[in-house]
Amino acid sequence: MLQRNKLDQVFSAKQWLLSGWGIYKQAPITWIFMILPFSIIYLIAMSSLPSRAVAALLAPVLLGGIYVAAFKVDNGESITLENLFSMFTDNQRLKQLLTIGGIGAVVVGLTYILENIGGSNIAMPSETSETVTNLRPTATPLTGTSLGHTLGSLLFWLWSMATIFSVPLIAITNQAAIESIKNSLVTALYNLIPLFLFFVCAAVLTILGIVPFGLGLLVVIPTLFCATYFIFKMIYLDGNDTAAAKTLNLTTPITAGSADVPPPGLVQKPPKDLGELLVQKVYEAQDKYDPNDRTDTSLPKEFTVNYFDDYMQITRTWASLKIIGLIFGAAIWNFVWISNDFLEILSSDRELLLKLFCLVFIVGGAFLIYYIIASALNKTEIYVNKNTIAIQHHPIPWPGNKTIEAKNIKQIYVKRIEKRRENRTYVSYGVSGLTFDDQNIKLLPGLKDFHSAHFVEKNIEDYLGIEDEEVAEEQR
C-alpha cells in the first residue's frame, strides 16, 4: 500500500486541490470576503519588521478561523464572515494559537537577524565606473549576509513544516500548542515528497492567479487553504465518517479516526512524540536486527514481493528520511559556488588550480542534486525466473543494472560491509551470488540492515530451489 501511495503522489495533489475547490465553491462569496481582510492585513503587516512580527503573532488565530470554516462547510454547515474571527471568542484555543504565533514572531526576528549578519561587510562601489569595473574580476566572497540568507531560509522551511498542521490541530481538535508543533513536524517529515509536490502545484496556481490583475488569487488562495484542510482531514480525521464529524463540538478535543486504508499519497501514522521518533531512528541506525537470527522472514517496510506465472518480482523503494539532510546539505553546497561566481572563474584567466577546484566543487554539487532525485524517485526491481536474475534501478539511471544466468548460481549469500571514516564505523549489507566456478557477483549492495539482505537472499534461493549452505565470507 505504501508503494502505491508513493506512485500516486502527483494524482493525490490533484485530488487535494479538487477537494479544496469543492469546499470553496459551496460558499464562494463568503470565502472571498473572508480572505480579503486576511490578505490585506497580512500585506500591510509586511512593510516593516515590527509589523511582520505582529502578523506572525496574529496569523495563526485568523488561520484557525479559516480552517474551522472549511471544517463546517465540509460537514454541511453554513459559514459567515464572523468565522474568520471565531478563535478570538474561544479563550482556550486563542491561548494555544497565540503561543504558536509568539514562537512564529521569534522565528521572524531570528530570520531577520540571520539575513543581516555581516551586512556591514559588504563592499559598496563608489560613484565612478572605474571602481565598479575594478570590483568585477574577482569572485564575490561568501559574506555573512549570504550565509545568513541560507540559514534564514532553512529556519523558515523548518518552521513551515512545524506549523502546516499545528493550526488546524489546535482549531479543530483542541490540541496543545507544543504537541501540535511536534505532530505537524513529524507528519510533514513522513509525507515530505507528496507535500512538496502539493506546494509546487500551489505555487503554479498562485502565479496563474496573479496574471489576471491578481483577481485569480480571490479563488486560488481560499482554494489552497481548503485543500490544506482536506490534507489535514485525511491524516488526522476519519475522512470516511462524515456523520461522526458533523457531531463535533468545537469546545472539546477529539481523537483521530482509525482508517484501515491510508489516504492516497500520504502515510497515515498515529502522531508520535518527537522524542519517541528520534529514539526509534537511533535504534534503526544501530541495526537492531540480530545478525545470527535467520528465522525472521517478515517483509521489510521498503520491500514488496509479487509472484507471477513464470517469474518473481522483488521491489525495493529508495526513499527515506535521510533525503531531508541531503537536501539541506545540497542547498548549502550549491549556494556556495553560485554565490561565489565559480562559473565566472572557470571562464576567466585565473590560476589553473583554482579553476580545477571550482570545477570539482560544481560537479560535486550537481552529483548531490542527482543523487537526491534518484534517492527520492528510484526503486530497485529484481526479476527472478528459472533462467535469469535481472536487476534494474529506475526511473533515474543508476549503475548496477545487470542480468545473470540463474543456472550458474550455486549460492546466494549476505555479506557484511564495514567502512571506517573519522574514527566511526559504518555498516551495510550486500546480497551476492556465488557461481559454480567460485566467482562472486554483487547483486544488491548498500542495504542498511541484515534483515533486508537476508530477506532478498531467502526469497531468491527459495524460488530457484537452492539449498542454503554457508559461504566463506557470508554473514550468518
Protein backbone atom coordinates (compact mmCIF):
# COMPACT_ATOMS: atom_id res chain seq x y z
CA MET A 1 0.00 0.00 0.00
CA LEU A 2 2.83 2.41 0.78
CA GLN A 3 4.29 1.80 -2.66
CA ARG A 4 1.02 2.70 -4.31
CA ASN A 5 0.83 5.86 -2.23
CA LYS A 6 4.22 6.92 -3.47
CA LEU A 7 3.31 6.16 -7.06
CA ASP A 8 0.13 8.23 -6.75
CA GLN A 9 1.74 11.35 -5.31
CA VAL A 10 1.03 13.64 -8.29
CA PHE A 11 -2.54 12.43 -8.59
CA SER A 12 -3.02 12.91 -4.85
CA ALA A 13 -2.03 16.57 -5.18
CA LYS A 14 -4.65 16.88 -7.90
CA GLN A 15 -7.23 15.20 -5.66
CA TRP A 16 -6.46 17.50 -2.72
CA LEU A 17 -6.78 20.61 -4.90
CA LEU A 18 -10.06 19.41 -6.40
CA SER A 19 -11.36 18.67 -2.90
CA GLY A 20 -10.34 22.17 -1.81
CA TRP A 21 -12.14 23.59 -4.82
CA GLY A 22 -15.23 21.57 -3.88
CA ILE A 23 -15.27 23.18 -0.40
CA TYR A 24 -14.66 26.66 -1.85
CA LYS A 25 -17.43 26.56 -4.46
CA GLN A 26 -20.08 25.77 -1.84
CA ALA A 27 -19.74 29.33 -0.45
CA PRO A 28 -17.54 31.32 -2.89
CA ILE A 29 -18.75 34.81 -1.96
CA THR A 30 -18.22 34.21 1.75
CA TRP A 31 -14.77 32.79 1.11
CA ILE A 32 -13.77 35.84 -0.95
CA PHE A 33 -14.90 38.29 1.75
CA MET A 34 -13.20 36.12 4.37
CA ILE A 35 -9.88 36.01 2.53
CA LEU A 36 -9.85 39.73 1.55
CA PRO A 37 -9.39 41.18 5.06
CA PHE A 38 -6.93 38.42 5.96
CA SER A 39 -4.83 39.15 2.86
CA ILE A 40 -4.98 42.94 3.25
CA ILE A 41 -3.94 42.78 6.90
CA TYR A 42 -1.11 40.42 6.05
CA LEU A 43 0.20 42.57 3.15
CA ILE A 44 0.14 45.76 5.24
CA ALA A 45 1.96 43.99 8.04
CA MET A 46 4.86 43.08 5.73
CA SER A 47 6.02 46.70 5.49
CA SER A 48 8.39 46.57 8.49
CA LEU A 49 9.96 44.14 10.95
CA PRO A 50 7.66 45.03 13.91
CA SER A 51 4.57 44.68 11.73
CA ARG A 52 5.87 41.34 10.40
CA ALA A 53 6.23 40.11 13.96
CA VAL A 54 2.67 41.25 14.74
CA ALA A 55 1.44 39.46 11.60
CA ALA A 56 3.23 36.27 12.66
CA LEU A 57 1.58 36.57 16.09
CA LEU A 58 -1.97 37.03 14.77
CA ALA A 59 -1.85 34.90 11.61
CA PRO A 60 -2.45 31.55 13.42
CA VAL A 61 -5.56 32.98 15.10
CA LEU A 62 -7.06 34.10 11.77
CA LEU A 63 -5.98 30.89 10.04
CA GLY A 64 -7.67 28.93 12.82
CA GLY A 65 -10.95 30.62 11.91
CA ILE A 66 -10.42 29.79 8.24
CA TYR A 67 -9.78 26.11 8.95
CA VAL A 68 -12.83 25.90 11.22
CA ALA A 69 -14.89 27.47 8.41
CA ALA A 70 -13.55 24.85 5.98
CA PHE A 71 -14.45 22.14 8.50
CA LYS A 72 -18.00 23.46 8.80
CA VAL A 73 -18.54 23.72 5.04
CA ASP A 74 -17.14 20.21 4.61
CA ASN A 75 -19.76 18.94 7.05
CA GLY A 76 -22.74 20.73 5.51
CA GLU A 77 -22.88 23.79 7.76
CA SER A 78 -23.14 27.41 6.62
CA ILE A 79 -20.43 30.00 7.28
CA THR A 80 -20.25 33.78 7.58
CA LEU A 81 -17.51 36.39 7.71
CA GLU A 82 -17.60 36.14 11.50
CA ASN A 83 -15.97 32.70 11.26
CA LEU A 84 -12.69 34.42 10.40
CA PHE A 85 -12.58 35.87 13.93
CA SER A 86 -14.15 32.88 15.73
CA MET A 87 -10.94 31.92 17.53
CA PHE A 88 -10.89 35.25 19.39
CA THR A 89 -14.01 34.14 21.28
CA ASP A 90 -12.57 30.79 22.39
CA ASN A 91 -10.12 31.53 25.20
CA GLN A 92 -8.58 28.05 25.33
CA ARG A 93 -7.83 27.87 21.61
CA LEU A 94 -6.85 31.55 21.47
CA LYS A 95 -4.15 30.94 24.08
CA GLN A 96 -2.68 27.99 22.15
CA LEU A 97 -2.81 29.81 18.80
CA LEU A 98 -1.13 32.88 20.29
CA THR A 99 1.58 30.56 21.61
CA ILE A 100 2.15 29.37 18.05
CA GLY A 101 2.11 32.99 16.91
CA GLY A 102 4.56 34.05 19.61
CA ILE A 103 7.05 31.40 18.54
CA GLY A 104 6.47 32.49 14.94
CA ALA A 105 7.28 36.10 15.87
CA VAL A 106 10.55 34.91 17.42
CA VAL A 107 11.30 32.98 14.22
CA VAL A 108 10.66 36.17 12.21
CA GLY A 109 13.14 38.04 14.40
CA LEU A 110 15.77 35.30 14.16
CA THR A 111 15.33 35.14 10.38
CA TYR A 112 15.82 38.92 10.17
CA ILE A 113 18.99 38.71 12.27
CA LEU A 114 20.40 35.83 10.21
CA GLU A 115 19.67 37.59 6.93
CA ASN A 116 21.51 40.70 8.10
CA ILE A 117 24.57 39.07 9.67
CA GLY A 118 27.68 40.72 8.31
CA GLY A 119 25.71 43.23 6.29
CA SER A 120 28.17 45.98 7.14
CA ASN A 121 30.97 43.99 5.50
CA ILE A 122 29.50 44.21 2.01
CA ALA A 123 31.66 46.32 -0.27
CA MET A 124 29.77 49.19 -1.93
CA PRO A 125 31.00 50.63 -5.23
CA SER A 126 31.85 54.32 -5.47
CA GLU A 127 30.30 56.71 -7.95
CA THR A 128 32.97 56.15 -10.60
CA SER A 129 32.57 53.47 -13.22
CA GLU A 130 36.28 52.63 -12.89
CA THR A 131 35.79 51.48 -9.32
CA VAL A 132 32.83 49.34 -10.36
CA THR A 133 34.92 47.76 -13.09
CA ASN A 134 37.76 47.01 -10.71
CA LEU A 135 35.38 45.14 -8.44
CA ARG A 136 34.34 42.61 -11.08
CA PRO A 137 37.44 40.50 -11.94
CA THR A 138 37.49 38.71 -8.58
CA ALA A 139 34.77 36.44 -7.28
CA THR A 140 32.42 37.82 -4.66
CA PRO A 141 33.34 36.29 -1.29
CA LEU A 142 30.83 34.30 0.68
CA THR A 143 29.78 37.01 3.14
CA GLY A 144 27.93 36.57 6.36
CA THR A 145 24.88 38.01 4.64
CA SER A 146 24.68 35.26 2.00
CA LEU A 147 25.22 32.57 4.63
CA GLY A 148 22.64 34.27 6.81
CA HIS A 149 20.10 34.18 3.98
CA THR A 150 20.71 30.45 3.63
CA LEU A 151 20.29 29.81 7.36
CA GLY A 152 17.24 32.06 7.44
CA SER A 153 15.66 30.12 4.59
CA LEU A 154 16.33 26.81 6.32
CA LEU A 155 14.77 28.15 9.53
CA PHE A 156 11.75 29.36 7.58
CA TRP A 157 11.13 25.96 5.95
CA LEU A 158 11.59 24.08 9.21
CA TRP A 159 9.06 26.37 10.88
CA SER A 160 6.69 25.93 7.93
CA MET A 161 6.80 22.14 8.38
CA ALA A 162 6.28 22.55 12.11
CA THR A 163 3.16 24.71 11.65
CA ILE A 164 1.42 23.47 8.49
CA PHE A 165 -0.83 21.21 10.59
CA SER A 166 -0.41 22.76 14.04
CA VAL A 167 -3.06 25.47 13.46
CA PRO A 168 -5.85 23.09 12.38
CA LEU A 169 -4.79 20.67 15.14
CA ILE A 170 -5.48 23.42 17.67
CA ALA A 171 -8.51 24.97 15.99
CA ILE A 172 -10.32 21.72 15.18
CA THR A 173 -9.03 19.11 17.64
CA ASN A 174 -8.16 21.46 20.53
CA GLN A 175 -4.61 20.12 20.84
CA ALA A 176 -1.96 21.90 22.89
CA ALA A 177 0.42 24.20 21.03
CA ILE A 178 3.73 22.40 21.63
CA GLU A 179 2.21 18.99 21.00
CA SER A 180 0.65 20.24 17.76
CA ILE A 181 4.04 21.54 16.58
CA LYS A 182 5.63 18.14 17.26
CA ASN A 183 2.84 16.32 15.42
CA SER A 184 2.97 18.72 12.49
CA LEU A 185 6.73 18.34 12.09
CA VAL A 186 6.62 14.53 12.27
CA THR A 187 3.73 14.35 9.80
CA ALA A 188 5.45 16.72 7.37
CA LEU A 189 8.65 14.64 7.51
CA TYR A 190 6.76 11.39 6.93
CA ASN A 191 4.99 12.91 3.92
CA LEU A 192 7.68 15.23 2.63
CA ILE A 193 7.55 14.22 -1.04
CA PRO A 194 3.74 14.36 -1.58
CA LEU A 195 3.56 17.65 0.35
CA PHE A 196 6.41 19.07 -1.76
CA LEU A 197 4.51 18.16 -4.93
CA PHE A 198 1.41 19.84 -3.49
CA PHE A 199 3.35 23.04 -2.78
CA VAL A 200 4.75 23.02 -6.33
CA CYS A 201 1.19 22.83 -7.70
CA ALA A 202 0.15 25.57 -5.26
CA ALA A 203 2.98 27.83 -6.45
CA VAL A 204 1.99 27.33 -10.09
CA LEU A 205 -1.65 28.12 -9.33
CA THR A 206 -0.64 31.23 -7.38
CA ILE A 207 1.40 32.52 -10.33
CA LEU A 208 -1.54 31.89 -12.66
CA GLY A 209 -3.83 33.65 -10.19
CA ILE A 210 -1.65 36.79 -10.27
CA VAL A 211 -1.83 37.10 -14.09
CA PRO A 212 -5.41 38.49 -14.36
CA PHE A 213 -4.58 41.62 -12.29
CA GLY A 214 -4.37 39.44 -9.19
CA LEU A 215 -8.10 38.72 -9.26
CA GLY A 216 -7.45 35.00 -9.64
CA LEU A 217 -6.00 34.99 -6.13
CA LEU A 218 -9.51 35.52 -4.76
CA VAL A 219 -10.16 31.95 -5.92
CA VAL A 220 -6.71 30.40 -5.61
CA ILE A 221 -5.91 31.43 -2.03
CA PRO A 222 -9.11 30.15 -0.37
CA THR A 223 -8.96 27.01 -2.51
CA LEU A 224 -5.42 26.33 -1.28
CA PHE A 225 -6.48 26.85 2.33
CA CYS A 226 -9.38 24.44 1.83
CA ALA A 227 -7.06 21.91 0.15
CA THR A 228 -4.68 22.14 3.12
CA TYR A 229 -7.62 21.50 5.42
CA PHE A 230 -8.52 18.45 3.33
CA ILE A 231 -4.98 17.06 3.69
CA PHE A 232 -5.24 17.61 7.45
CA LYS A 233 -8.58 15.83 7.47
CA MET A 234 -7.21 12.81 5.61
CA ILE A 235 -4.32 12.44 8.06
CA TYR A 236 -5.87 13.22 11.43
CA LEU A 237 -9.61 12.67 10.99
CA ASP A 238 -11.59 9.72 9.68
CA GLY A 239 -12.26 11.03 6.18
CA ASN A 240 -14.94 8.42 5.51
CA ASP A 241 -17.01 9.04 8.63
CA THR A 242 -18.63 12.39 7.85
CA ALA A 243 -21.62 11.65 10.11
CA ALA A 244 -19.37 11.49 13.15
CA ALA A 245 -17.60 14.67 12.08
CA LYS A 246 -20.89 16.57 11.94
CA THR A 247 -21.43 15.94 15.65
CA LEU A 248 -18.10 17.56 16.57
CA ASN A 249 -18.29 20.05 19.40
CA LEU A 250 -15.54 22.59 18.87
CA THR A 251 -15.21 23.20 22.61
CA THR A 252 -13.95 19.66 23.30
CA PRO A 253 -10.99 17.78 21.91
CA ILE A 254 -11.45 14.82 19.57
CA THR A 255 -9.21 11.94 18.61
CA ALA A 256 -8.15 10.97 15.13
CA GLY A 257 -10.26 8.35 13.42
CA SER A 258 -8.78 4.95 12.63
CA ALA A 259 -8.98 4.19 8.94
CA ASP A 260 -7.78 0.81 7.72
CA VAL A 261 -6.84 2.19 4.33
CA PRO A 262 -4.37 5.12 4.21
CA PRO A 263 -5.38 8.18 2.14
CA PRO A 264 -3.85 8.43 -1.34
CA GLY A 265 -0.32 9.79 -1.35
CA LEU A 266 0.06 10.08 2.41
CA VAL A 267 1.43 7.75 5.06
CA GLN A 268 -1.24 7.65 7.74
CA LYS A 269 0.51 7.05 11.08
CA PRO A 270 -0.64 7.88 14.59
CA PRO A 271 1.15 11.04 15.72
CA LYS A 272 4.27 10.19 17.73
CA ASP A 273 6.10 12.18 20.32
CA LEU A 274 9.22 13.68 18.74
CA GLY A 275 11.45 12.05 21.35
CA GLU A 276 9.90 8.67 20.63
CA LEU A 277 10.53 9.15 16.91
CA LEU A 278 14.20 10.05 17.47
CA VAL A 279 14.73 7.01 19.71
CA GLN A 280 13.18 4.82 17.03
CA LYS A 281 15.54 6.19 14.40
CA VAL A 282 18.56 5.68 16.65
CA TYR A 283 17.62 2.03 17.10
CA GLU A 284 17.26 1.61 13.35
CA ALA A 285 20.64 3.27 12.75
CA GLN A 286 22.27 0.83 15.18
CA ASP A 287 20.87 -2.13 13.22
CA LYS A 288 18.67 -3.71 15.85
CA TYR A 289 18.36 -6.94 13.85
CA ASP A 290 20.38 -9.82 15.25
CA PRO A 291 22.82 -10.96 12.53
CA ASN A 292 22.59 -14.51 13.90
CA ASP A 293 18.79 -14.62 13.64
CA ARG A 294 17.96 -16.18 10.27
CA THR A 295 14.41 -17.04 11.29
CA ASP A 296 12.93 -13.56 10.73
CA THR A 297 11.36 -13.71 7.26
CA SER A 298 8.94 -10.80 7.70
CA LEU A 299 8.58 -8.30 4.88
CA PRO A 300 10.87 -5.25 5.35
CA LYS A 301 8.95 -1.98 5.10
CA GLU A 302 10.69 -0.79 1.91
CA PHE A 303 10.14 -4.10 0.05
CA THR A 304 7.29 -5.70 -1.86
CA VAL A 305 7.17 -9.15 -3.46
CA ASN A 306 4.92 -10.26 -6.31
CA TYR A 307 4.65 -13.72 -7.86
CA PHE A 308 3.55 -14.24 -11.44
CA ASP A 309 3.09 -17.31 -13.63
CA ASP A 310 6.74 -17.70 -14.62
CA TYR A 311 8.72 -15.18 -12.54
CA MET A 312 9.04 -13.46 -9.17
CA GLN A 313 9.48 -9.71 -8.69
CA ILE A 314 11.10 -8.15 -5.60
CA THR A 315 10.83 -4.35 -5.42
CA ARG A 316 12.74 -2.07 -3.05
CA THR A 317 12.00 1.66 -2.81
CA TRP A 318 14.87 4.03 -2.04
CA ALA A 319 13.08 6.95 -0.39
CA SER A 320 13.83 7.56 3.31
CA LEU A 321 14.13 10.39 5.83
CA LYS A 322 17.84 10.80 5.04
CA ILE A 323 16.76 12.77 1.95
CA ILE A 324 15.91 15.72 4.23
CA GLY A 325 19.51 16.07 5.43
CA LEU A 326 20.78 15.62 1.88
CA ILE A 327 18.53 18.42 0.63
CA PHE A 328 19.84 20.83 3.24
CA GLY A 329 23.43 19.80 2.53
CA ALA A 330 23.00 20.16 -1.24
CA ALA A 331 21.34 23.56 -0.81
CA ILE A 332 24.28 24.90 1.20
CA TRP A 333 26.89 23.28 -1.09
CA ASN A 334 25.39 24.70 -4.30
CA PHE A 335 24.72 28.07 -2.71
CA VAL A 336 28.45 28.40 -2.02
CA TRP A 337 29.56 28.05 -5.64
CA ILE A 338 26.66 30.06 -7.05
CA SER A 339 27.18 33.00 -4.66
CA ASN A 340 30.93 32.98 -5.31
CA ASP A 341 30.64 33.04 -9.13
CA PHE A 342 32.55 29.78 -9.69
CA LEU A 343 31.24 29.63 -13.27
CA GLU A 344 32.72 33.05 -13.95
CA ILE A 345 36.06 31.91 -12.54
CA LEU A 346 36.06 28.91 -14.91
CA SER A 347 35.68 31.21 -17.92
CA SER A 348 38.33 33.66 -16.70
CA ASP A 349 42.14 33.54 -16.93
CA ARG A 350 42.59 32.69 -13.25
CA GLU A 351 45.05 30.06 -11.99
CA LEU A 352 44.54 26.51 -13.27
CA LEU A 353 44.48 25.04 -9.76
CA LEU A 354 41.71 27.45 -8.68
CA LYS A 355 39.69 26.65 -11.80
CA LEU A 356 40.11 22.94 -11.15
CA PHE A 357 38.89 23.41 -7.56
CA CYS A 358 35.81 25.31 -8.80
CA LEU A 359 35.06 22.61 -11.38
CA VAL A 360 35.26 19.83 -8.81
CA PHE A 361 33.03 21.84 -6.44
CA ILE A 362 30.38 22.41 -9.14
CA VAL A 363 30.44 18.77 -10.25
CA GLY A 364 30.06 17.69 -6.63
CA GLY A 365 27.02 19.91 -6.22
CA ALA A 366 25.46 18.56 -9.41
CA PHE A 367 26.04 14.99 -8.24
CA LEU A 368 24.39 15.75 -4.89
CA ILE A 369 21.27 17.01 -6.67
CA TYR A 370 21.25 13.97 -8.96
CA TYR A 371 21.65 11.62 -6.00
CA ILE A 372 18.79 13.31 -4.11
CA ILE A 373 16.46 12.98 -7.12
CA ALA A 374 17.44 9.33 -7.55
CA SER A 375 17.01 8.63 -3.81
CA ALA A 376 13.54 10.20 -3.85
CA LEU A 377 12.20 8.56 -7.02
CA ASN A 378 14.13 5.38 -7.69
CA LYS A 379 13.31 1.81 -6.92
CA THR A 380 15.22 -1.42 -7.48
CA GLU A 381 13.41 -4.33 -9.10
CA ILE A 382 14.77 -7.88 -9.05
CA TYR A 383 13.21 -10.26 -11.55
CA VAL A 384 13.84 -13.96 -10.98
CA ASN A 385 12.83 -16.91 -13.14
CA LYS A 386 14.31 -20.33 -13.70
CA ASN A 387 16.74 -18.99 -16.32
CA THR A 388 17.83 -15.49 -15.28
CA ILE A 389 18.16 -13.00 -12.45
CA ALA A 390 17.70 -9.40 -13.68
CA ILE A 391 18.33 -6.32 -11.54
CA GLN A 392 17.13 -2.88 -12.63
CA HIS A 393 17.39 0.55 -10.96
CA HIS A 394 14.97 3.12 -12.38
CA PRO A 395 13.48 5.58 -13.38
CA ILE A 396 16.62 7.69 -12.78
CA PRO A 397 19.64 5.98 -14.43
CA TRP A 398 21.94 4.39 -11.86
CA PRO A 399 24.83 1.93 -12.13
CA GLY A 400 24.26 -1.68 -11.15
CA ASN A 401 21.75 -2.92 -13.72
CA LYS A 402 22.65 -6.48 -14.70
CA THR A 403 21.31 -9.78 -15.95
CA ILE A 404 22.91 -13.09 -15.00
CA GLU A 405 22.08 -16.72 -15.75
CA ALA A 406 20.38 -18.36 -12.80
CA LYS A 407 21.74 -21.79 -13.68
CA ASN A 408 25.29 -20.56 -12.93
CA ILE A 409 24.42 -19.53 -9.36
CA LYS A 410 25.39 -22.03 -6.65
CA GLN A 411 24.58 -19.90 -3.59
CA ILE A 412 23.03 -16.58 -2.63
CA TYR A 413 24.56 -15.07 0.49
CA VAL A 414 24.71 -11.90 2.62
CA LYS A 415 27.98 -10.05 3.08
CA ARG A 416 28.65 -7.53 5.85
CA ILE A 417 30.48 -4.40 4.68
CA GLU A 418 32.32 -2.14 7.12
CA LYS A 419 33.83 1.27 6.30
CA ARG A 420 35.68 3.49 8.75
CA ARG A 421 35.55 7.27 8.44
CA GLU A 422 36.82 9.70 11.05
CA ASN A 423 37.04 7.04 13.77
CA ARG A 424 33.50 5.85 13.08
CA THR A 425 32.44 2.52 11.60
CA TYR A 426 29.61 2.44 9.05
CA VAL A 427 27.99 -0.94 8.46
CA SER A 428 25.92 -2.03 5.47
CA TYR A 429 24.93 -5.34 3.95
CA GLY A 430 25.02 -6.63 0.41
CA VAL A 431 23.46 -9.60 -1.37
CA SER A 432 25.85 -11.52 -3.61
CA GLY A 433 25.81 -14.65 -5.73
CA LEU A 434 28.44 -17.39 -5.82
CA THR A 435 28.82 -19.19 -9.13
CA PHE A 436 29.85 -22.81 -9.60
CA ASP A 437 33.32 -21.65 -10.67
CA ASP A 438 33.62 -19.70 -7.36
CA GLN A 439 33.10 -16.23 -8.84
CA ASN A 440 31.36 -13.63 -6.65
CA ILE A 441 28.70 -11.46 -8.28
CA LYS A 442 27.27 -8.42 -6.48
CA LEU A 443 23.51 -8.41 -6.76
CA LEU A 444 22.20 -5.78 -4.34
CA PRO A 445 24.71 -3.75 -2.28
CA GLY A 446 24.11 -0.96 0.23
CA LEU A 447 21.26 -2.40 2.32
CA LYS A 448 21.03 -0.82 5.76
CA ASP A 449 20.32 -3.96 7.83
CA PHE A 450 20.82 -7.69 7.82
CA HIS A 451 17.09 -8.40 7.84
CA SER A 452 16.54 -6.75 4.43
CA ALA A 453 19.53 -8.52 2.88
CA HIS A 454 18.55 -11.90 4.34
CA PHE A 455 15.00 -11.40 3.06
CA VAL A 456 16.28 -10.99 -0.52
CA GLU A 457 18.65 -13.95 -0.15
CA LYS A 458 15.98 -16.31 1.16
CA ASN A 459 13.34 -15.38 -1.42
CA ILE A 460 15.69 -15.85 -4.37
CA GLU A 461 17.02 -19.17 -3.01
CA ASP A 462 13.52 -20.46 -2.29
CA TYR A 463 12.27 -19.52 -5.76
CA LEU A 464 15.26 -21.14 -7.52
CA GLY A 465 15.26 -24.17 -5.23
CA ILE A 466 18.78 -23.52 -3.94
CA GLU A 467 19.57 -25.30 -0.68
CA ASP A 468 21.19 -22.83 1.70
CA GLU A 469 24.83 -23.57 2.51
CA GLU A 470 27.40 -21.49 4.34
CA VAL A 471 29.81 -19.44 2.23
CA ALA A 472 33.26 -18.41 3.50
CA GLU A 473 32.62 -14.64 3.70
CA GLU A 474 28.90 -14.91 4.43
CA GLN A 475 27.29 -13.04 7.33
CA ARG A 476 25.28 -15.65 9.21
